């Protein structure tokens, strides 16, 4: 079998495989929602329902609320390298725009979903 024939068959298989994957999975193949950063954002968007007293004070100074923070998480950038892990918790570090201001967020979640599924806004800091 010649090299040209091998490449042609490989290309045909690649195209057919791509079409079948798109038919079975649809937009899930191309949208990237399954990537780790997007899964974390999805979890935080669904479970961010409380804030620490320090974060509540900062939100009050900015004349905004926790719902605005939750809505801004879709466009936030997650820094997994700066996120901290403890034996029972994970503290995610994110940067986003809240009430027209650049902000660094620290959001805490428990590692064990059975104990508690909620996320807590621990800190919000204005970025200059």
C-alpha atoms as a PDB file:
ATOM      1  CA  UNK A   1       0.000   0.000   0.000  1.00  0.00           C
ATOM      2  CA  UNK A   2       1.471   3.350  -1.005  1.00  0.00           C
ATOM      3  CA  UNK A   3       1.894   6.324   1.317  1.00  0.00           C
ATOM      4  CA  UNK A   4      -0.657   8.350  -0.637  1.00  0.00           C
ATOM      5  CA  UNK A   5      -3.297   5.638  -0.223  1.00  0.00           C
ATOM      6  CA  UNK A   6      -2.569   5.377   3.519  1.00  0.00           C
ATOM      7  CA  UNK A   7      -2.928   9.135   3.968  1.00  0.00           C
ATOM      8  CA  UNK A   8      -6.144   9.163   1.913  1.00  0.00           C
ATOM      9  CA  UNK A   9      -7.688   6.370   4.013  1.00  0.00           C
ATOM     10  CA  UNK A  10      -6.529   8.065   7.210  1.00  0.00           C
ATOM     11  CA  UNK A  11      -8.138  11.349   6.118  1.00  0.00           C
ATOM     12  CA  UNK A  12     -11.404   9.619   5.196  1.00  0.00           C
ATOM     13  CA  UNK A  13     -11.459   7.886   8.598  1.00  0.00           C
ATOM     14  CA  UNK A  14     -10.716  11.129  10.387  1.00  0.00           C
ATOM     15  CA  UNK A  15     -13.547  12.953   8.594  1.00  0.00           C
ATOM     16  CA  UNK A  16     -16.054  10.136   9.156  1.00  0.00           C
ATOM     17  CA  UNK A  17     -15.034   9.850  12.818  1.00  0.00           C
ATOM     18  CA  UNK A  18     -15.398  13.585  13.324  1.00  0.00           C
ATOM     19  CA  UNK A  19     -18.849  13.592  11.728  1.00  0.00           C
ATOM     20  CA  UNK A  20     -19.986  10.655  13.869  1.00  0.00           C
ATOM     21  CA  UNK A  21     -18.666  12.264  17.071  1.00  0.00           C
ATOM     22  CA  UNK A  22     -20.473  15.514  16.236  1.00  0.00           C
ATOM     23  CA  UNK A  23     -23.677  13.579  15.453  1.00  0.00           C
ATOM     24  CA  UNK A  24     -23.567  11.705  18.781  1.00  0.00           C
ATOM     25  CA  UNK A  25     -22.331  14.512  21.040  1.00  0.00           C
ATOM     26  CA  UNK A  26     -23.389  17.658  19.196  1.00  0.00           C
ATOM     27  CA  UNK A  27     -22.004  20.916  20.578  1.00  0.00           C
ATOM     28  CA  UNK A  28     -20.488  19.119  23.569  1.00  0.00           C
ATOM     29  CA  UNK A  29     -17.602  18.094  21.294  1.00  0.00           C
ATOM     30  CA  UNK A  30     -16.630  21.675  20.454  1.00  0.00           C
ATOM     31  CA  UNK A  31     -17.805  23.964  23.285  1.00  0.00           C
ATOM     32  CA  UNK A  32     -15.176  23.044  25.903  1.00  0.00           C
ATOM     33  CA  UNK A  33     -17.655  22.905  28.812  1.00  0.00           C
ATOM     34  CA  UNK A  34     -16.027  19.670  29.928  1.00  0.00           C
ATOM     35  CA  UNK A  35     -12.655  21.305  30.640  1.00  0.00           C
ATOM     36  CA  UNK A  36     -11.622  21.559  34.332  1.00  0.00           C
ATOM     37  CA  UNK A  37     -11.806  25.358  34.482  1.00  0.00           C
ATOM     38  CA  UNK A  38     -15.338  25.381  33.081  1.00  0.00           C
ATOM     39  CA  UNK A  39     -16.485  22.595  35.426  1.00  0.00           C
ATOM     40  CA  UNK A  40     -15.226  24.609  38.414  1.00  0.00           C
ATOM     41  CA  UNK A  41     -17.003  27.737  37.150  1.00  0.00           C
ATOM     42  CA  UNK A  42     -20.207  25.741  36.679  1.00  0.00           C
ATOM     43  CA  UNK A  43     -19.984  24.383  40.232  1.00  0.00           C
ATOM     44  CA  UNK A  44     -19.318  27.821  41.729  1.00  0.00           C
ATOM     45  CA  UNK A  45     -22.083  29.503  39.726  1.00  0.00           C
ATOM     46  CA  UNK A  46     -24.610  26.945  40.957  1.00  0.00           C
ATOM     47  CA  UNK A  47     -23.508  26.832  44.598  1.00  0.00           C
ATOM     48  CA  UNK A  48     -22.292  30.345  45.552  1.00  0.00           C
ATOM     49  CA  UNK A  49     -24.998  31.341  48.036  1.00  0.00           C
ATOM     50  CA  UNK A  50     -23.198  32.950  50.973  1.00  0.00           C
ATOM     51  CA  UNK A  51     -20.384  35.366  51.748  1.00  0.00           C
ATOM     52  CA  UNK A  52     -18.085  35.936  54.698  1.00  0.00           C
ATOM     53  CA  UNK A  53     -18.652  39.086  56.799  1.00  0.00           C
ATOM     54  CA  UNK A  54     -15.546  40.691  55.251  1.00  0.00           C
ATOM     55  CA  UNK A  55     -16.820  40.007  51.727  1.00  0.00           C
ATOM     56  CA  UNK A  56     -20.312  41.266  52.664  1.00  0.00           C
ATOM     57  CA  UNK A  57     -18.811  44.567  53.822  1.00  0.00           C
ATOM     58  CA  UNK A  58     -16.864  44.954  50.586  1.00  0.00           C
ATOM     59  CA  UNK A  59     -19.951  44.176  48.497  1.00  0.00           C
ATOM     60  CA  UNK A  60     -21.919  46.766  50.479  1.00  0.00           C
ATOM     61  CA  UNK A  61     -19.211  49.378  49.819  1.00  0.00           C
ATOM     62  CA  UNK A  62     -19.417  48.612  46.112  1.00  0.00           C
ATOM     63  CA  UNK A  63     -23.239  48.842  46.170  1.00  0.00           C
ATOM     64  CA  UNK A  64     -23.640  45.359  44.760  1.00  0.00           C
ATOM     65  CA  UNK A  65     -24.701  41.935  45.973  1.00  0.00           C
ATOM     66  CA  UNK A  66     -23.750  38.283  45.799  1.00  0.00           C
ATOM     67  CA  UNK A  67     -26.005  37.710  42.795  1.00  0.00           C
ATOM     68  CA  UNK A  68     -23.888  40.120  40.719  1.00  0.00           C
ATOM     69  CA  UNK A  69     -20.780  38.181  41.723  1.00  0.00           C
ATOM     70  CA  UNK A  70     -22.449  34.904  40.744  1.00  0.00           C
ATOM     71  CA  UNK A  71     -23.416  36.308  37.333  1.00  0.00           C
ATOM     72  CA  UNK A  72     -19.854  37.540  36.722  1.00  0.00           C
ATOM     73  CA  UNK A  73     -18.343  34.072  37.239  1.00  0.00           C
ATOM     74  CA  UNK A  74     -19.073  32.998  33.646  1.00  0.00           C
ATOM     75  CA  UNK A  75     -16.596  35.564  32.325  1.00  0.00           C
ATOM     76  CA  UNK A  76     -14.119  35.142  35.198  1.00  0.00           C
ATOM     77  CA  UNK A  77     -10.637  33.768  34.772  1.00  0.00           C
ATOM     78  CA  UNK A  78      -9.752  30.975  37.169  1.00  0.00           C
ATOM     79  CA  UNK A  79      -6.162  30.692  38.385  1.00  0.00           C
ATOM     80  CA  UNK A  80      -5.790  27.048  39.389  1.00  0.00           C
ATOM     81  CA  UNK A  81      -2.124  27.638  40.262  1.00  0.00           C
ATOM     82  CA  UNK A  82      -3.007  30.255  42.878  1.00  0.00           C
ATOM     83  CA  UNK A  83      -5.879  28.186  44.268  1.00  0.00           C
ATOM     84  CA  UNK A  84      -5.120  26.522  47.595  1.00  0.00           C
ATOM     85  CA  UNK A  85      -6.076  23.042  48.747  1.00  0.00           C
ATOM     86  CA  UNK A  86      -6.405  21.900  52.330  1.00  0.00           C
ATOM     87  CA  UNK A  87      -7.382  18.417  53.489  1.00  0.00           C
ATOM     88  CA  UNK A  88     -11.058  19.399  53.655  1.00  0.00           C
ATOM     89  CA  UNK A  89     -11.439  22.558  51.507  1.00  0.00           C
ATOM     90  CA  UNK A  90     -10.459  24.197  48.252  1.00  0.00           C
ATOM     91  CA  UNK A  91      -9.963  27.970  47.983  1.00  0.00           C
ATOM     92  CA  UNK A  92     -10.344  29.042  44.353  1.00  0.00           C
ATOM     93  CA  UNK A  93      -8.678  32.244  43.149  1.00  0.00           C
ATOM     94  CA  UNK A  94     -10.554  34.088  40.384  1.00  0.00           C
ATOM     95  CA  UNK A  95     -10.390  37.431  38.601  1.00  0.00           C
ATOM     96  CA  UNK A  96     -13.511  39.034  37.187  1.00  0.00           C
ATOM     97  CA  UNK A  97     -15.398  42.311  36.789  1.00  0.00           C
ATOM     98  CA  UNK A  98     -17.986  43.031  39.503  1.00  0.00           C
ATOM     99  CA  UNK A  99     -20.051  46.230  39.407  1.00  0.00           C
ATOM    100  CA  UNK A 100     -17.717  47.686  36.778  1.00  0.00           C
ATOM    101  CA  UNK A 101     -14.579  47.054  38.848  1.00  0.00           C
ATOM    102  CA  UNK A 102     -11.815  44.494  38.381  1.00  0.00           C
ATOM    103  CA  UNK A 103     -11.820  42.189  41.377  1.00  0.00           C
ATOM    104  CA  UNK A 104      -9.880  39.241  42.727  1.00  0.00           C
ATOM    105  CA  UNK A 105     -12.178  36.712  44.379  1.00  0.00           C
ATOM    106  CA  UNK A 106     -11.407  33.921  46.802  1.00  0.00           C
ATOM    107  CA  UNK A 107     -14.195  31.355  46.944  1.00  0.00           C
ATOM    108  CA  UNK A 108     -14.122  28.416  49.358  1.00  0.00           C
ATOM    109  CA  UNK A 109     -15.795  25.043  48.840  1.00  0.00           C
ATOM    110  CA  UNK A 110     -15.597  21.780  50.718  1.00  0.00           C
ATOM    111  CA  UNK A 111     -13.968  18.863  48.950  1.00  0.00           C
ATOM    112  CA  UNK A 112     -16.603  16.420  50.217  1.00  0.00           C
ATOM    113  CA  UNK A 113     -19.926  16.983  48.418  1.00  0.00           C
ATOM    114  CA  UNK A 114     -21.766  14.875  50.996  1.00  0.00           C
ATOM    115  CA  UNK A 115     -20.980  17.281  53.846  1.00  0.00           C
ATOM    116  CA  UNK A 116     -21.856  20.562  52.128  1.00  0.00           C
ATOM    117  CA  UNK A 117     -22.243  21.586  48.500  1.00  0.00           C
ATOM    118  CA  UNK A 118     -22.384  25.359  48.982  1.00  0.00           C
ATOM    119  CA  UNK A 119     -19.616  27.769  48.043  1.00  0.00           C
ATOM    120  CA  UNK A 120     -18.704  30.788  50.163  1.00  0.00           C
ATOM    121  CA  UNK A 121     -17.219  34.049  48.923  1.00  0.00           C
ATOM    122  CA  UNK A 122     -14.321  34.521  51.353  1.00  0.00           C
ATOM    123  CA  UNK A 123     -12.667  37.649  49.994  1.00  0.00           C
ATOM    124  CA  UNK A 124     -13.114  40.226  47.270  1.00  0.00           C
ATOM    125  CA  UNK A 125     -10.276  42.641  46.553  1.00  0.00           C
ATOM    126  CA  UNK A 126     -10.199  45.573  44.155  1.00  0.00           C
ATOM    127  CA  UNK A 127      -7.506  45.207  41.480  1.00  0.00           C
ATOM    128  CA  UNK A 128      -5.840  48.440  40.425  1.00  0.00           C
END
